[in-house]
PDB file of all heavy atoms in Angstrom:
ATOM      1  N   ALA A   1     120.314  95.100 118.455  1.00  0.00           N
ATOM      2  CA  ALA A   1     119.362  94.121 118.968  1.00  0.00           C
ATOM      3  C   ALA A   1     119.249  92.950 117.992  1.00  0.00           C
ATOM      4  O   ALA A   1     119.105  93.156 116.782  1.00  0.00           O
ATOM      5  CB  ALA A   1     117.998  94.783 119.149  1.00  0.00           C
ATOM      6  N   PRO A   2     119.321  91.722 118.483  1.00  0.00           N
ATOM      7  CA  PRO A   2     119.213  90.563 117.582  1.00  0.00           C
ATOM      8  C   PRO A   2     117.791  90.423 117.054  1.00  0.00           C
ATOM      9  O   PRO A   2     116.815  90.607 117.783  1.00  0.00           O
ATOM     10  CB  PRO A   2     119.590  89.385 118.489  1.00  0.00           C
ATOM     11  CG  PRO A   2     119.273  89.861 119.878  1.00  0.00           C
ATOM     12  CD  PRO A   2     119.518  91.334 119.890  1.00  0.00           C
ATOM     13  N   LEU A   3     117.665  90.118 115.770  1.00  0.00           N
ATOM     14  CA  LEU A   3     116.356  89.982 115.134  1.00  0.00           C
ATOM     15  C   LEU A   3     116.093  88.530 114.779  1.00  0.00           C
ATOM     16  O   LEU A   3     117.034  87.737 114.630  1.00  0.00           O
ATOM     17  CB  LEU A   3     116.294  90.851 113.871  1.00  0.00           C
ATOM     18  CG  LEU A   3     116.435  92.358 114.083  1.00  0.00           C
ATOM     19  CD1 LEU A   3     116.392  93.088 112.746  1.00  0.00           C
ATOM     20  CD2 LEU A   3     115.357  92.868 115.018  1.00  0.00           C
ATOM     21  N   PRO A   4     114.841  88.154 114.623  1.00  0.00           N
ATOM     22  CA  PRO A   4     114.521  86.780 114.204  1.00  0.00           C
ATOM     23  C   PRO A   4     115.142  86.474 112.847  1.00  0.00           C
ATOM     24  O   PRO A   4     115.488  87.392 112.088  1.00  0.00           O
ATOM     25  CB  PRO A   4     112.994  86.796 114.121  1.00  0.00           C
ATOM     26  CG  PRO A   4     112.562  87.935 114.989  1.00  0.00           C
ATOM     27  CD  PRO A   4     113.647  88.964 114.875  1.00  0.00           C
ATOM     28  N   PRO A   5     115.283  85.201 112.507  1.00  0.00           N
ATOM     29  CA  PRO A   5     115.900  84.842 111.227  1.00  0.00           C
ATOM     30  C   PRO A   5     115.081  85.362 110.053  1.00  0.00           C
ATOM     31  O   PRO A   5     113.842  85.325 110.070  1.00  0.00           O
ATOM     32  CB  PRO A   5     115.933  83.304 111.252  1.00  0.00           C
ATOM     33  CG  PRO A   5     114.915  82.918 112.290  1.00  0.00           C
ATOM     34  CD  PRO A   5     114.906  84.019 113.293  1.00  0.00           C
ATOM     35  N   ALA A   6     115.774  85.879 109.029  1.00  0.00           N
ATOM     36  CA  ALA A   6     115.108  86.359 107.816  1.00  0.00           C
ATOM     37  C   ALA A   6     114.942  85.208 106.843  1.00  0.00           C
ATOM     38  O   ALA A   6     115.870  84.418 106.622  1.00  0.00           O
ATOM     39  CB  ALA A   6     115.931  87.478 107.174  1.00  0.00           C
ATOM     40  N   ARG A   7     113.771  85.109 106.243  1.00  0.00           N
ATOM     41  CA  ARG A   7     113.522  84.067 105.260  1.00  0.00           C
ATOM     42  C   ARG A   7     114.070  84.503 103.907  1.00  0.00           C
ATOM     43  O   ARG A   7     113.998  85.672 103.534  1.00  0.00           O
ATOM     44  CB  ARG A   7     112.016  83.793 105.152  1.00  0.00           C
ATOM     45  CG  ARG A   7     111.393  83.311 106.456  1.00  0.00           C
ATOM     46  CD  ARG A   7     109.913  82.993 106.261  1.00  0.00           C
ATOM     47  NE  ARG A   7     109.741  81.852 105.382  1.00  0.00           N
ATOM     48  CZ  ARG A   7     108.810  81.778 104.425  1.00  0.00           C
ATOM     49  NH1 ARG A   7     107.993  82.804 104.224  1.00  0.00           N
ATOM     50  NH2 ARG A   7     108.687  80.703 103.673  1.00  0.00           N
ATOM     51  N   ALA A   8     114.616  83.569 103.174  1.00  0.00           N
ATOM     52  CA  ALA A   8     115.146  83.862 101.839  1.00  0.00           C
ATOM     53  C   ALA A   8     114.011  84.314 100.933  1.00  0.00           C
ATOM     54  O   ALA A   8     112.879  83.812 101.015  1.00  0.00           O
ATOM     55  CB  ALA A   8     115.824  82.622 101.270  1.00  0.00           C
ATOM     56  N   TRP A   9     114.325  85.285 100.082  1.00  0.00           N
ATOM     57  CA  TRP A   9     113.296  85.789  99.166  1.00  0.00           C
ATOM     58  C   TRP A   9     113.914  86.137  97.833  1.00  0.00           C
ATOM     59  O   TRP A   9     115.041  86.656  97.754  1.00  0.00           O
ATOM     60  CB  TRP A   9     112.646  87.048  99.752  1.00  0.00           C
ATOM     61  CG  TRP A   9     111.650  87.684  98.821  1.00  0.00           C
ATOM     62  CD1 TRP A   9     110.355  87.335  98.641  1.00  0.00           C
ATOM     63  CD2 TRP A   9     111.892  88.768  97.902  1.00  0.00           C
ATOM     64  NE1 TRP A   9     109.757  88.125  97.688  1.00  0.00           N
ATOM     65  CE2 TRP A   9     110.683  89.022  97.212  1.00  0.00           C
ATOM     66  CE3 TRP A   9     113.009  89.536  97.584  1.00  0.00           C
ATOM     67  CZ2 TRP A   9     110.552  90.016  96.240  1.00  0.00           C
ATOM     68  CZ3 TRP A   9     112.892  90.531  96.608  1.00  0.00           C
ATOM     69  CH2 TRP A   9     111.674  90.759  95.949  1.00  0.00           C
ATOM     70  N   SER A  10     113.175  85.855  96.772  1.00  0.00           N
ATOM     71  CA  SER A  10     113.482  86.385  95.440  1.00  0.00           C
ATOM     72  C   SER A  10     112.161  86.528  94.717  1.00  0.00           C
ATOM     73  O   SER A  10     111.221  85.761  94.920  1.00  0.00           O
ATOM     74  CB  SER A  10     114.425  85.445  94.671  1.00  0.00           C
ATOM     75  OG  SER A  10     113.788  84.202  94.427  1.00  0.00           O
ATOM     76  N   GLY A  11     112.078  87.566  93.885  1.00  0.00           N
ATOM     77  CA  GLY A  11     110.850  87.824  93.167  1.00  0.00           C
ATOM     78  C   GLY A  11     111.116  88.520  91.857  1.00  0.00           C
ATOM     79  O   GLY A  11     112.202  89.061  91.618  1.00  0.00           O
ATOM     80  N   LYS A  12     110.096  88.519  90.987  1.00  0.00           N
ATOM     81  CA  LYS A  12     110.237  89.170  89.690  1.00  0.00           C
ATOM     82  C   LYS A  12     110.536  90.661  89.832  1.00  0.00           C
ATOM     83  O   LYS A  12     111.155  91.256  88.950  1.00  0.00           O
ATOM     84  CB  LYS A  12     108.972  88.962  88.874  1.00  0.00           C
ATOM     85  CG  LYS A  12     108.743  87.538  88.399  1.00  0.00           C
ATOM     86  CD  LYS A  12     107.499  87.447  87.522  1.00  0.00           C
ATOM     87  CE  LYS A  12     107.284  86.028  87.016  1.00  0.00           C
ATOM     88  NZ  LYS A  12     106.054  85.935  86.175  1.00  0.00           N
ATOM     89  N   SER A  13     110.090  91.255  90.950  1.00  0.00           N
ATOM     90  CA  SER A  13     110.304  92.695  91.107  1.00  0.00           C
ATOM     91  C   SER A  13     111.772  93.054  91.232  1.00  0.00           C
ATOM     92  O   SER A  13     112.135  94.227  91.102  1.00  0.00           O
ATOM     93  CB  SER A  13     109.530  93.210  92.323  1.00  0.00           C
ATOM     94  OG  SER A  13     110.020  92.618  93.519  1.00  0.00           O
ATOM     95  N   GLU A  14     112.647  92.077  91.445  1.00  0.00           N
ATOM     96  CA  GLU A  14     114.081  92.371  91.503  1.00  0.00           C
ATOM     97  C   GLU A  14     114.584  92.920  90.172  1.00  0.00           C
ATOM     98  O   GLU A  14     115.612  93.608  90.122  1.00  0.00           O
ATOM     99  CB  GLU A  14     114.852  91.115  91.886  1.00  0.00           C
ATOM    100  CG  GLU A  14     114.639  90.713  93.345  1.00  0.00           C
ATOM    101  CD  GLU A  14     115.368  89.440  93.706  1.00  0.00           C
ATOM    102  OE1 GLU A  14     114.950  88.354  93.258  1.00  0.00           O
ATOM    103  OE2 GLU A  14     116.378  89.537  94.451  1.00  0.00           O
ATOM    104  N   ALA A  15     113.837  92.640  89.076  1.00  0.00           N
ATOM    105  CA  ALA A  15     114.215  93.179  87.772  1.00  0.00           C
ATOM    106  C   ALA A  15     114.056  94.703  87.713  1.00  0.00           C
ATOM    107  O   ALA A  15     114.558  95.350  86.787  1.00  0.00           O
ATOM    108  CB  ALA A  15     113.386  92.534  86.667  1.00  0.00           C
ATOM    109  N   LEU A  16     113.363  95.285  88.699  1.00  0.00           N
ATOM    110  CA  LEU A  16     113.186  96.735  88.742  1.00  0.00           C
ATOM    111  C   LEU A  16     114.450  97.460  89.170  1.00  0.00           C
ATOM    112  O   LEU A  16     114.585  98.670  88.952  1.00  0.00           O
ATOM    113  CB  LEU A  16     112.052  97.090  89.718  1.00  0.00           C
ATOM    114  CG  LEU A  16     110.658  96.564  89.367  1.00  0.00           C
ATOM    115  CD1 LEU A  16     109.711  96.790  90.548  1.00  0.00           C
ATOM    116  CD2 LEU A  16     110.117  97.256  88.122  1.00  0.00           C
ATOM    117  N   VAL A  17     115.383  96.745  89.786  1.00  0.00           N
ATOM    118  CA  VAL A  17     116.625  97.363  90.256  1.00  0.00           C
ATOM    119  C   VAL A  17     117.503  97.682  89.054  1.00  0.00           C
ATOM    120  O   VAL A  17     117.742  96.836  88.188  1.00  0.00           O
ATOM    121  CB  VAL A  17     117.378  96.434  91.221  1.00  0.00           C
ATOM    122  CG1 VAL A  17     118.670  97.078  91.689  1.00  0.00           C
ATOM    123  CG2 VAL A  17     116.494  96.085  92.412  1.00  0.00           C
ATOM    124  N   ALA A  18     117.948  98.921  88.972  1.00  0.00           N
ATOM    125  CA  ALA A  18     118.751  99.357  87.839  1.00  0.00           C
ATOM    126  C   ALA A  18     120.092  98.631  87.812  1.00  0.00           C
ATOM    127  O   ALA A  18     120.689  98.358  88.864  1.00  0.00           O
ATOM    128  CB  ALA A  18     118.973 100.867  87.902  1.00  0.00           C
ATOM    129  N   ALA A  19     120.555  98.361  86.612  1.00  0.00           N
ATOM    130  CA  ALA A  19     121.863  97.720  86.440  1.00  0.00           C
ATOM    131  C   ALA A  19     122.972  98.664  86.876  1.00  0.00           C
ATOM    132  O   ALA A  19     122.818  99.885  86.853  1.00  0.00           O
ATOM    133  CB  ALA A  19     122.053  97.322  84.980  1.00  0.00           C
ATOM    134  N   PRO A  20     124.120  98.118  87.271  1.00  0.00           N
ATOM    135  CA  PRO A  20     125.234  98.970  87.705  1.00  0.00           C
ATOM    136  C   PRO A  20     125.642 100.009  86.666  1.00  0.00           C
ATOM    137  O   PRO A  20     126.151 101.071  87.030  1.00  0.00           O
ATOM    138  CB  PRO A  20     126.365  97.954  87.966  1.00  0.00           C
ATOM    139  CG  PRO A  20     125.645  96.686  88.294  1.00  0.00           C
ATOM    140  CD  PRO A  20     124.419  96.679  87.453  1.00  0.00           C
ATOM    141  N   SER A  21     125.403  99.731  85.409  1.00  0.00           N
ATOM    142  CA  SER A  21     125.793 100.688  84.362  1.00  0.00           C
ATOM    143  C   SER A  21     124.748 101.769  84.111  1.00  0.00           C
ATOM    144  O   SER A  21     125.001 102.700  83.337  1.00  0.00           O
ATOM    145  CB  SER A  21     126.036  99.925  83.053  1.00  0.00           C
ATOM    146  OG  SER A  21     124.846  99.239  82.653  1.00  0.00           O
ATOM    147  N   HIS A  22     123.592 101.674  84.749  1.00  0.00           N
ATOM    148  CA  HIS A  22     122.515 102.639  84.500  1.00  0.00           C
ATOM    149  C   HIS A  22     122.925 104.011  85.026  1.00  0.00           C
ATOM    150  O   HIS A  22     123.362 104.150  86.170  1.00  0.00           O
ATOM    151  CB  HIS A  22     121.232 102.173  85.183  1.00  0.00           C
ATOM    152  CG  HIS A  22     119.992 102.828  84.668  1.00  0.00           C
ATOM    153  ND1 HIS A  22     119.736 104.171  84.806  1.00  0.00           N
ATOM    154  CD2 HIS A  22     118.934 102.308  83.992  1.00  0.00           C
ATOM    155  CE1 HIS A  22     118.565 104.456  84.249  1.00  0.00           C
ATOM    156  NE2 HIS A  22     118.062 103.332  83.745  1.00  0.00           N
ATOM    157  N   PRO A  23     122.766 105.066  84.208  1.00  0.00           N
ATOM    158  CA  PRO A  23     123.207 106.394  84.659  1.00  0.00           C
ATOM    159  C   PRO A  23     122.330 107.008  85.737  1.00  0.00           C
ATOM    160  O   PRO A  23     122.757 107.983  86.379  1.00  0.00           O
ATOM    161  CB  PRO A  23     123.148 107.228  83.370  1.00  0.00           C
ATOM    162  CG  PRO A  23     122.126 106.533  82.517  1.00  0.00           C
ATOM    163  CD  PRO A  23     122.277 105.071  82.818  1.00  0.00           C
ATOM    164  N   TRP A  24     121.129 106.468  85.943  1.00  0.00           N
ATOM    165  CA  TRP A  24     120.213 107.067  86.923  1.00  0.00           C
ATOM    166  C   TRP A  24     119.918 106.102  88.077  1.00  0.00           C
ATOM    167  O   TRP A  24     118.807 106.086  88.602  1.00  0.00           O
ATOM    168  CB  TRP A  24     118.914 107.506  86.240  1.00  0.00           C
ATOM    169  CG  TRP A  24     119.106 108.742  85.423  1.00  0.00           C
ATOM    170  CD1 TRP A  24     119.215 108.824  84.069  1.00  0.00           C
ATOM    171  CD2 TRP A  24     119.249 110.063  85.920  1.00  0.00           C
ATOM    172  NE1 TRP A  24     119.406 110.121  83.673  1.00  0.00           N
ATOM    173  CE2 TRP A  24     119.426 110.911  84.800  1.00  0.00           C
ATOM    174  CE3 TRP A  24     119.264 110.630  87.190  1.00  0.00           C
ATOM    175  CZ2 TRP A  24     119.613 112.287  84.912  1.00  0.00           C
ATOM    176  CZ3 TRP A  24     119.436 112.006  87.310  1.00  0.00           C
ATOM    177  CH2 TRP A  24     119.612 112.820  86.172  1.00  0.00           C
ATOM    178  N   ARG A  25     120.904 105.336  88.443  1.00  0.00           N
ATOM    179  CA  ARG A  25     120.711 104.518  89.656  1.00  0.00           C
ATOM    180  C   ARG A  25     120.455 105.433  90.848  1.00  0.00           C
ATOM    181  O   ARG A  25     121.098 106.477  91.010  1.00  0.00           O
ATOM    182  CB  ARG A  25     121.941 103.657  89.927  1.00  0.00           C
ATOM    183  CG  ARG A  25     122.033 102.433  89.043  1.00  0.00           C
ATOM    184  CD  ARG A  25     122.882 101.358  89.686  1.00  0.00           C
ATOM    185  NE  ARG A  25     124.233 101.806  89.962  1.00  0.00           N
ATOM    186  CZ  ARG A  25     125.075 101.174  90.776  1.00  0.00           C
ATOM    187  NH1 ARG A  25     124.691 100.081  91.418  1.00  0.00           N
ATOM    188  NH2 ARG A  25     126.293 101.646  90.967  1.00  0.00           N
ATOM    189  N   THR A  26     119.542 105.023  91.711  1.00  0.00           N
ATOM    190  CA  THR A  26     119.246 105.812  92.904  1.00  0.00           C
ATOM    191  C   THR A  26     120.327 105.581  93.957  1.00  0.00           C
ATOM    192  O   THR A  26     121.076 104.593  93.895  1.00  0.00           O
ATOM    193  CB  THR A  26     117.884 105.410  93.498  1.00  0.00           C
ATOM    194  OG1 THR A  26     117.972 104.063  94.002  1.00  0.00           O
ATOM    195  CG2 THR A  26     116.768 105.516  92.471  1.00  0.00           C
ATOM    196  N   PRO A  27     120.430 106.469  94.937  1.00  0.00           N
ATOM    197  CA  PRO A  27     121.427 106.253  95.999  1.00  0.00           C
ATOM    198  C   PRO A  27     121.267 104.923  96.712  1.00  0.00           C
ATOM    199  O   PRO A  27     122.267 104.264  97.039  1.00  0.00           O
ATOM    200  CB  PRO A  27     121.177 107.433  96.939  1.00  0.00           C
ATOM    201  CG  PRO A  27     120.629 108.511  96.063  1.00  0.00           C
ATOM    202  CD  PRO A  27     119.788 107.798  95.055  1.00  0.00           C
TER     203      PRO A  27
END
């Protein structure tokens, strides 16, 4: 089903995402 356009977003909380090298990245 087609969805309405998504607005661009960026926030400080993106720093919570583990780096690719982190041994405990979540699935």
